[in-house]
C-alpha atoms as a PDB file:
ATOM      1  CA  UNK A   1      42.240  28.669 -27.301  1.00  0.00           C
ATOM      2  CA  UNK A   2      41.694  24.880 -26.542  1.00  0.00           C
ATOM      3  CA  UNK A   3      45.177  23.160 -27.342  1.00  0.00           C
ATOM      4  CA  UNK A   4      44.770  21.488 -30.792  1.00  0.00           C
ATOM      5  CA  UNK A   5      44.767  17.977 -31.070  1.00  0.00           C
ATOM      6  CA  UNK A   6      46.544  15.671 -33.513  1.00  0.00           C
ATOM      7  CA  UNK A   7      42.852  14.710 -35.369  1.00  0.00           C
ATOM      8  CA  UNK A   8      42.199  18.726 -36.156  1.00  0.00           C
ATOM      9  CA  UNK A   9      46.495  18.972 -37.168  1.00  0.00           C
ATOM     10  CA  UNK A  10      45.704  15.899 -39.891  1.00  0.00           C
ATOM     11  CA  UNK A  11      41.951  17.341 -40.639  1.00  0.00           C
ATOM     12  CA  UNK A  12      43.999  21.136 -41.607  1.00  0.00           C
ATOM     13  CA  UNK A  13      46.261  19.926 -43.276  1.00  0.00           C
ATOM     14  CA  UNK A  14      43.947  17.537 -45.400  1.00  0.00           C
ATOM     15  CA  UNK A  15      41.543  19.911 -46.082  1.00  0.00           C
ATOM     16  CA  UNK A  16      45.088  22.788 -47.717  1.00  0.00           C
ATOM     17  CA  UNK A  17      46.122  19.359 -49.389  1.00  0.00           C
ATOM     18  CA  UNK A  18      42.219  19.005 -51.754  1.00  0.00           C
ATOM     19  CA  UNK A  19      42.974  22.924 -51.762  1.00  0.00           C
ATOM     20  CA  UNK A  20      46.023  22.517 -53.400  1.00  0.00           C
ATOM     21  CA  UNK A  21      45.344  19.088 -55.661  1.00  0.00           C
ATOM     22  CA  UNK A  22      41.960  21.300 -56.611  1.00  0.00           C
ATOM     23  CA  UNK A  23      43.901  24.192 -57.932  1.00  0.00           C
ATOM     24  CA  UNK A  24      45.880  22.043 -59.500  1.00  0.00           C
ATOM     25  CA  UNK A  25      43.793  19.838 -61.193  1.00  0.00           C
ATOM     26  CA  UNK A  26      42.004  23.754 -61.981  1.00  0.00           C
ATOM     27  CA  UNK A  27      45.639  25.369 -63.891  1.00  0.00           C
ATOM     28  CA  UNK A  28      46.147  22.114 -65.603  1.00  0.00           C
ATOM     29  CA  UNK A  29      42.800  22.353 -67.270  1.00  0.00           C
ATOM     30  CA  UNK A  30      43.226  26.109 -67.996  1.00  0.00           C
ATOM     31  CA  UNK A  31      46.566  25.287 -69.127  1.00  0.00           C
ATOM     32  CA  UNK A  32      44.667  22.223 -72.092  1.00  0.00           C
ATOM     33  CA  UNK A  33      41.845  24.892 -73.037  1.00  0.00           C
ATOM     34  CA  UNK A  34      44.563  27.422 -73.906  1.00  0.00           C
ATOM     35  CA  UNK A  35      46.968  25.023 -75.978  1.00  0.00           C
ATOM     36  CA  UNK A  36      44.013  23.787 -77.726  1.00  0.00           C
ATOM     37  CA  UNK A  37      43.136  27.399 -78.618  1.00  0.00           C
ATOM     38  CA  UNK A  38      46.260  28.299 -79.905  1.00  0.00           C
ATOM     39  CA  UNK A  39      46.721  25.623 -82.593  1.00  0.00           C
ATOM     40  CA  UNK A  40      46.324  25.963 -85.914  1.00  0.00           C
ATOM     41  CA  UNK A  41      45.513  23.006 -87.823  1.00  0.00           C
ATOM     42  CA  UNK A  42      42.407  21.111 -85.565  1.00  0.00           C
ATOM     43  CA  UNK A  43      41.913  18.347 -88.562  1.00  0.00           C
ATOM     44  CA  UNK A  44      45.256  16.850 -88.454  1.00  0.00           C
ATOM     45  CA  UNK A  45      44.265  15.569 -85.027  1.00  0.00           C
ATOM     46  CA  UNK A  46      41.558  13.876 -86.330  1.00  0.00           C
ATOM     47  CA  UNK A  47      41.574  13.408 -90.031  1.00  0.00           C
ATOM     48  CA  UNK A  48      40.776   9.890 -90.874  1.00  0.00           C
ATOM     49  CA  UNK A  49      37.301  11.085 -89.614  1.00  0.00           C
ATOM     50  CA  UNK A  50      36.479  14.346 -91.508  1.00  0.00           C
ATOM     51  CA  UNK A  51      35.724  12.077 -95.137  1.00  0.00           C
ATOM     52  CA  UNK A  52      32.535  10.609 -94.679  1.00  0.00           C
ATOM     53  CA  UNK A  53      30.286   7.815 -96.968  1.00  0.00           C
ATOM     54  CA  UNK A  54      26.820   6.170 -96.743  1.00  0.00           C
ATOM     55  CA  UNK A  55      25.480   4.692 -99.679  1.00  0.00           C
ATOM     56  CA  UNK A  56      25.095   7.719-102.334  1.00  0.00           C
ATOM     57  CA  UNK A  57      26.147  10.090 -99.688  1.00  0.00           C
ATOM     58  CA  UNK A  58      29.619  11.264-100.357  1.00  0.00           C
ATOM     59  CA  UNK A  59      30.908  14.153 -97.312  1.00  0.00           C
ATOM     60  CA  UNK A  60      33.996  15.756 -96.846  1.00  0.00           C
ATOM     61  CA  UNK A  61      34.513  17.586 -93.724  1.00  0.00           C
ATOM     62  CA  UNK A  62      37.066  20.701 -92.286  1.00  0.00           C
ATOM     63  CA  UNK A  63      37.350  22.573 -88.794  1.00  0.00           C
ATOM     64  CA  UNK A  64      38.116  26.450 -89.302  1.00  0.00           C
ATOM     65  CA  UNK A  65      37.631  29.034 -86.027  1.00  0.00           C
ATOM     66  CA  UNK A  66      34.527  31.377 -86.717  1.00  0.00           C
ATOM     67  CA  UNK A  67      37.387  34.761 -87.665  1.00  0.00           C
ATOM     68  CA  UNK A  68      38.665  32.721 -90.835  1.00  0.00           C
ATOM     69  CA  UNK A  69      35.225  31.025 -91.705  1.00  0.00           C
ATOM     70  CA  UNK A  70      33.781  32.835 -95.279  1.00  0.00           C
ATOM     71  CA  UNK A  71      31.156  34.701 -94.535  1.00  0.00           C
ATOM     72  CA  UNK A  72      28.418  32.841 -96.089  1.00  0.00           C
ATOM     73  CA  UNK A  73      28.688  29.558 -94.392  1.00  0.00           C
ATOM     74  CA  UNK A  74      28.853  31.141 -91.302  1.00  0.00           C
ATOM     75  CA  UNK A  75      25.374  33.077 -92.701  1.00  0.00           C
ATOM     76  CA  UNK A  76      24.071  29.501 -93.721  1.00  0.00           C
ATOM     77  CA  UNK A  77      24.996  28.171 -90.267  1.00  0.00           C
ATOM     78  CA  UNK A  78      23.438  31.105 -88.306  1.00  0.00           C
ATOM     79  CA  UNK A  79      20.011  30.457 -91.368  1.00  0.00           C
ATOM     80  CA  UNK A  80      20.402  26.621 -90.885  1.00  0.00           C
ATOM     81  CA  UNK A  81      20.376  27.227 -86.534  1.00  0.00           C
ATOM     82  CA  UNK A  82      16.916  29.892 -87.005  1.00  0.00           C
ATOM     83  CA  UNK A  83      15.319  27.166 -89.657  1.00  0.00           C
ATOM     84  CA  UNK A  84      16.059  24.227 -87.274  1.00  0.00           C
ATOM     85  CA  UNK A  85      15.876  25.908 -83.354  1.00  0.00           C
ATOM     86  CA  UNK A  86      13.578  29.123 -83.482  1.00  0.00           C
ATOM     87  CA  UNK A  87      10.334  26.686 -82.750  1.00  0.00           C
ATOM     88  CA  UNK A  88      11.658  25.366 -80.380  1.00  0.00           C
ATOM     89  CA  UNK A  89      13.165  28.326 -78.759  1.00  0.00           C
ATOM     90  CA  UNK A  90      10.092  30.177 -78.690  1.00  0.00           C
ATOM     91  CA  UNK A  91       7.979  27.657 -77.216  1.00  0.00           C
ATOM     92  CA  UNK A  92      10.206  27.276 -73.739  1.00  0.00           C
ATOM     93  CA  UNK A  93      11.433  29.889 -71.251  1.00  0.00           C
ATOM     94  CA  UNK A  94      14.409  30.873 -73.310  1.00  0.00           C
ATOM     95  CA  UNK A  95      12.682  32.368 -76.525  1.00  0.00           C
ATOM     96  CA  UNK A  96      14.122  33.277 -79.806  1.00  0.00           C
ATOM     97  CA  UNK A  97      16.559  36.292 -79.946  1.00  0.00           C
ATOM     98  CA  UNK A  98      17.998  36.389 -83.456  1.00  0.00           C
ATOM     99  CA  UNK A  99      20.667  38.680 -82.609  1.00  0.00           C
ATOM    100  CA  UNK A 100      21.669  37.348 -79.242  1.00  0.00           C
ATOM    101  CA  UNK A 101      22.441  33.927 -81.072  1.00  0.00           C
ATOM    102  CA  UNK A 102      24.090  35.634 -84.021  1.00  0.00           C
ATOM    103  CA  UNK A 103      26.372  37.157 -81.177  1.00  0.00           C
ATOM    104  CA  UNK A 104      26.671  33.454 -80.093  1.00  0.00           C
ATOM    105  CA  UNK A 105      27.620  31.763 -83.286  1.00  0.00           C
ATOM    106  CA  UNK A 106      30.370  35.114 -84.002  1.00  0.00           C
ATOM    107  CA  UNK A 107      32.522  34.892 -80.314  1.00  0.00           C
ATOM    108  CA  UNK A 108      35.981  35.127 -80.912  1.00  0.00           C
ATOM    109  CA  UNK A 109      36.328  31.713 -79.152  1.00  0.00           C
ATOM    110  CA  UNK A 110      33.428  29.763 -81.586  1.00  0.00           C
ATOM    111  CA  UNK A 111      35.122  26.753 -84.021  1.00  0.00           C
ATOM    112  CA  UNK A 112      33.279  25.093 -86.900  1.00  0.00           C
ATOM    113  CA  UNK A 113      33.098  21.743 -88.133  1.00  0.00           C
ATOM    114  CA  UNK A 114      31.409  22.255 -91.073  1.00  0.00           C
ATOM    115  CA  UNK A 115      30.410  18.894 -93.885  1.00  0.00           C
ATOM    116  CA  UNK A 116      29.647  19.196 -96.735  1.00  0.00           C
ATOM    117  CA  UNK A 117      28.881  17.150 -99.838  1.00  0.00           C
ATOM    118  CA  UNK A 118      31.427  16.653-102.531  1.00  0.00           C
ATOM    119  CA  UNK A 119      29.694  18.252-105.240  1.00  0.00           C
ATOM    120  CA  UNK A 120      29.546  21.534-102.147  1.00  0.00           C
ATOM    121  CA  UNK A 121      26.257  21.447-100.876  1.00  0.00           C
ATOM    122  CA  UNK A 122      26.149  22.527 -97.234  1.00  0.00           C
ATOM    123  CA  UNK A 123      24.631  19.567 -95.561  1.00  0.00           C
ATOM    124  CA  UNK A 124      26.141  19.907 -91.535  1.00  0.00           C
ATOM    125  CA  UNK A 125      27.644  21.922 -89.553  1.00  0.00           C
ATOM    126  CA  UNK A 126      28.609  22.040 -85.697  1.00  0.00           C
ATOM    127  CA  UNK A 127      29.316  25.390 -83.397  1.00  0.00           C
ATOM    128  CA  UNK A 128      32.075  24.019 -80.571  1.00  0.00           C
ATOM    129  CA  UNK A 129      34.361  25.567 -78.409  1.00  0.00           C
ATOM    130  CA  UNK A 130      36.921  24.999 -75.931  1.00  0.00           C
ATOM    131  CA  UNK A 131      36.123  26.423 -72.336  1.00  0.00           C
ATOM    132  CA  UNK A 132      36.459  25.644 -68.668  1.00  0.00           C
ATOM    133  CA  UNK A 133      32.833  25.242 -67.376  1.00  0.00           C
ATOM    134  CA  UNK A 134      32.234  24.525 -64.014  1.00  0.00           C
ATOM    135  CA  UNK A 135      36.525  24.136 -63.448  1.00  0.00           C
ATOM    136  CA  UNK A 136      35.996  21.670 -66.131  1.00  0.00           C
ATOM    137  CA  UNK A 137      38.115  21.650 -69.241  1.00  0.00           C
ATOM    138  CA  UNK A 138      35.680  20.721 -71.780  1.00  0.00           C
ATOM    139  CA  UNK A 139      34.833  20.647 -75.262  1.00  0.00           C
ATOM    140  CA  UNK A 140      31.870  22.732 -75.739  1.00  0.00           C
ATOM    141  CA  UNK A 141      29.503  21.968 -78.232  1.00  0.00           C
ATOM    142  CA  UNK A 142      26.910  24.301 -78.964  1.00  0.00           C
ATOM    143  CA  UNK A 143      25.117  23.648 -81.662  1.00  0.00           C
ATOM    144  CA  UNK A 144      25.187  20.395 -84.277  1.00  0.00           C
ATOM    145  CA  UNK A 145      22.486  21.367 -87.190  1.00  0.00           C
ATOM    146  CA  UNK A 146      21.430  19.236 -90.032  1.00  0.00           C
ATOM    147  CA  UNK A 147      20.455  19.952 -93.310  1.00  0.00           C
ATOM    148  CA  UNK A 148      16.848  17.694 -94.113  1.00  0.00           C
ATOM    149  CA  UNK A 149      18.657  16.271 -96.921  1.00  0.00           C
ATOM    150  CA  UNK A 150      22.058  14.996 -95.024  1.00  0.00           C
ATOM    151  CA  UNK A 151      19.185  13.261 -92.120  1.00  0.00           C
ATOM    152  CA  UNK A 152      18.775  10.497 -91.567  1.00  0.00           C
ATOM    153  CA  UNK A 153      22.402   8.658 -93.058  1.00  0.00           C
ATOM    154  CA  UNK A 154      24.342   8.782 -89.707  1.00  0.00           C
ATOM    155  CA  UNK A 155      25.949  12.106 -90.304  1.00  0.00           C
ATOM    156  CA  UNK A 156      25.004  13.615 -86.954  1.00  0.00           C
ATOM    157  CA  UNK A 157      26.817  10.736 -85.337  1.00  0.00           C
ATOM    158  CA  UNK A 158      29.959  11.128 -86.780  1.00  0.00           C
ATOM    159  CA  UNK A 159      30.145  15.158 -86.341  1.00  0.00           C
ATOM    160  CA  UNK A 160      29.699  14.036 -83.017  1.00  0.00           C
ATOM    161  CA  UNK A 161      32.782  11.526 -83.641  1.00  0.00           C
ATOM    162  CA  UNK A 162      34.969  13.994 -84.830  1.00  0.00           C
ATOM    163  CA  UNK A 163      33.981  16.072 -81.700  1.00  0.00           C
ATOM    164  CA  UNK A 164      35.048  13.179 -79.553  1.00  0.00           C
ATOM    165  CA  UNK A 165      38.271  13.005 -81.097  1.00  0.00           C
ATOM    166  CA  UNK A 166      39.155  16.473 -80.794  1.00  0.00           C
ATOM    167  CA  UNK A 167      38.099  16.297 -77.084  1.00  0.00           C
ATOM    168  CA  UNK A 168      40.275  13.222 -75.994  1.00  0.00           C
ATOM    169  CA  UNK A 169      43.392  14.641 -78.574  1.00  0.00           C
ATOM    170  CA  UNK A 170      42.995  17.751 -76.124  1.00  0.00           C
ATOM    171  CA  UNK A 171      42.926  16.474 -73.169  1.00  0.00           C
ATOM    172  CA  UNK A 172      39.485  17.582 -72.461  1.00  0.00           C
ATOM    173  CA  UNK A 173      37.535  15.934 -69.909  1.00  0.00           C
ATOM    174  CA  UNK A 174      34.205  15.718 -72.066  1.00  0.00           C
ATOM    175  CA  UNK A 175      32.296  16.473 -74.818  1.00  0.00           C
ATOM    176  CA  UNK A 176      29.085  18.902 -72.934  1.00  0.00           C
ATOM    177  CA  UNK A 177      26.431  20.177 -74.529  1.00  0.00           C
ATOM    178  CA  UNK A 178      22.603  21.369 -73.193  1.00  0.00           C
ATOM    179  CA  UNK A 179      19.518  19.735 -75.095  1.00  0.00           C
ATOM    180  CA  UNK A 180      16.175  21.552 -74.600  1.00  0.00           C
ATOM    181  CA  UNK A 181      13.788  18.990 -72.998  1.00  0.00           C
ATOM    182  CA  UNK A 182      11.379  18.978 -75.284  1.00  0.00           C
ATOM    183  CA  UNK A 183      13.253  18.202 -78.351  1.00  0.00           C
ATOM    184  CA  UNK A 184      12.503  14.368 -76.965  1.00  0.00           C
ATOM    185  CA  UNK A 185      14.591  12.584 -80.638  1.00  0.00           C
ATOM    186  CA  UNK A 186      17.554  15.285 -79.852  1.00  0.00           C
ATOM    187  CA  UNK A 187      17.994  13.432 -76.424  1.00  0.00           C
ATOM    188  CA  UNK A 188      17.504  10.077 -77.639  1.00  0.00           C
ATOM    189  CA  UNK A 189      19.642  10.519 -80.052  1.00  0.00           C
ATOM    190  CA  UNK A 190      22.142  12.264 -78.114  1.00  0.00           C
ATOM    191  CA  UNK A 191      21.700   8.649 -75.596  1.00  0.00           C
ATOM    192  CA  UNK A 192      22.505   6.807 -77.955  1.00  0.00           C
ATOM    193  CA  UNK A 193      25.734   8.111 -78.795  1.00  0.00           C
ATOM    194  CA  UNK A 194      26.781   7.804 -75.365  1.00  0.00           C
ATOM    195  CA  UNK A 195      25.449  10.713 -73.907  1.00  0.00           C
ATOM    196  CA  UNK A 196      24.379  10.537 -70.319  1.00  0.00           C
ATOM    197  CA  UNK A 197      22.841  13.435 -67.759  1.00  0.00           C
ATOM    198  CA  UNK A 198      25.971  16.226 -66.043  1.00  0.00           C
ATOM    199  CA  UNK A 199      26.391  16.584 -62.783  1.00  0.00           C
ATOM    200  CA  UNK A 200      26.494  19.511 -63.837  1.00  0.00           C
ATOM    201  CA  UNK A 201      22.818  19.609 -65.182  1.00  0.00           C
ATOM    202  CA  UNK A 202      20.120  21.587 -63.261  1.00  0.00           C
ATOM    203  CA  UNK A 203      17.137  19.738 -61.638  1.00  0.00           C
ATOM    204  CA  UNK A 204      13.975  19.467 -62.704  1.00  0.00           C
ATOM    205  CA  UNK A 205      12.902  22.154 -60.552  1.00  0.00           C
ATOM    206  CA  UNK A 206      14.918  24.485 -61.462  1.00  0.00           C
ATOM    207  CA  UNK A 207      15.062  23.797 -65.022  1.00  0.00           C
ATOM    208  CA  UNK A 208      12.448  21.670 -66.845  1.00  0.00           C
ATOM    209  CA  UNK A 209      12.970  22.857 -70.170  1.00  0.00           C
ATOM    210  CA  UNK A 210      17.280  21.986 -70.618  1.00  0.00           C
ATOM    211  CA  UNK A 211      19.448  19.753 -69.595  1.00  0.00           C
ATOM    212  CA  UNK A 212      23.243  19.165 -69.874  1.00  0.00           C
ATOM    213  CA  UNK A 213      24.310  15.966 -71.081  1.00  0.00           C
ATOM    214  CA  UNK A 214      28.419  14.601 -71.643  1.00  0.00           C
ATOM    215  CA  UNK A 215      30.414  12.349 -72.677  1.00  0.00           C
ATOM    216  CA  UNK A 216      33.860  11.389 -70.818  1.00  0.00           C
ATOM    217  CA  UNK A 217      36.871  11.837 -73.194  1.00  0.00           C
ATOM    218  CA  UNK A 218      38.939   7.955 -73.776  1.00  0.00           C
ATOM    219  CA  UNK A 219      41.619   8.774 -71.124  1.00  0.00           C
ATOM    220  CA  UNK A 220      39.175  10.135 -68.822  1.00  0.00           C
ATOM    221  CA  UNK A 221      37.842   6.966 -69.268  1.00  0.00           C
ATOM    222  CA  UNK A 222      41.155   4.752 -68.349  1.00  0.00           C
ATOM    223  CA  UNK A 223      41.723   4.479 -71.770  1.00  0.00           C
ATOM    224  CA  UNK A 224      39.088   1.059 -72.102  1.00  0.00           C
ATOM    225  CA  UNK A 225      36.447   2.928 -74.138  1.00  0.00           C
ATOM    226  CA  UNK A 226      34.837   1.878 -76.802  1.00  0.00           C
ATOM    227  CA  UNK A 227      33.624   3.825 -79.755  1.00  0.00           C
ATOM    228  CA  UNK A 228      29.665   3.621 -79.142  1.00  0.00           C
ATOM    229  CA  UNK A 229      27.267   3.120 -82.284  1.00  0.00           C
ATOM    230  CA  UNK A 230      24.201   4.937 -82.247  1.00  0.00           C
ATOM    231  CA  UNK A 231      21.272   3.022 -83.580  1.00  0.00           C
ATOM    232  CA  UNK A 232      18.706   5.906 -83.837  1.00  0.00           C
ATOM    233  CA  UNK A 233      18.772   7.874 -87.156  1.00  0.00           C
ATOM    234  CA  UNK A 234      19.698  11.891 -87.417  1.00  0.00           C
ATOM    235  CA  UNK A 235      16.928  12.427 -88.414  1.00  0.00           C
ATOM    236  CA  UNK A 236      15.037  15.206 -85.828  1.00  0.00           C
ATOM    237  CA  UNK A 237      15.321  19.277 -87.311  1.00  0.00           C
ATOM    238  CA  UNK A 238      17.615  20.014 -84.361  1.00  0.00           C
ATOM    239  CA  UNK A 239      19.608  18.110 -82.908  1.00  0.00           C
ATOM    240  CA  UNK A 240      21.127  20.232 -80.270  1.00  0.00           C
ATOM    241  CA  UNK A 241      21.156  23.827 -78.539  1.00  0.00           C
ATOM    242  CA  UNK A 242      24.019  25.865 -76.712  1.00  0.00           C
ATOM    243  CA  UNK A 243      23.698  27.996 -73.828  1.00  0.00           C
ATOM    244  CA  UNK A 244      20.711  29.883 -73.038  1.00  0.00           C
ATOM    245  CA  UNK A 245      20.465  33.546 -75.598  1.00  0.00           C
END
């Protein structure tokens, strides 16, 4: 074997340091995810956003684990997802499988943000989770679904704002989501709200029917991020679909 040069020694040292830094980064991310999932009351992290008023619409929101969610509310969420998403799933490579969707929506790691009119009418929900995804601690948004009577009133945007606040407060890197490419109104909505193509999104030659979008939390932007305004309405039937069934 040839004698090691100082350049090779330095190069190997840099590689070791880079590996250690990456291991620390992943360990810190896992710690943040575990801490977030141990929280008992997420509402305290975003309570100023949980009441929403727009003209005659008065909405209250609450957050619960799927294991604590009222069965009737969970059934409504499943049914709304099917009403909004079934056709879109059927017209892409994934296809629609209700059993697999129910399994996804009832996973023990699922959290639910539920929006209801002050009189009690359920209007919208988001299914989300705190998880490690491609080595990043993220708040992964699996669903944002809005009833017809709740659309075009800024409710979808407010739901995203709550998720973004939660992600920032729990030290996640970003809010990440999967959107169907043949649902262009949803893609336009997310982009208008500050979401962009994520580095983990597959190339069009790999998966032409979906893309991964994300929005960094304020703590990842150096604390100088400003609140995005979303000029588009949330009037689309379905704004979001999560992992493939």
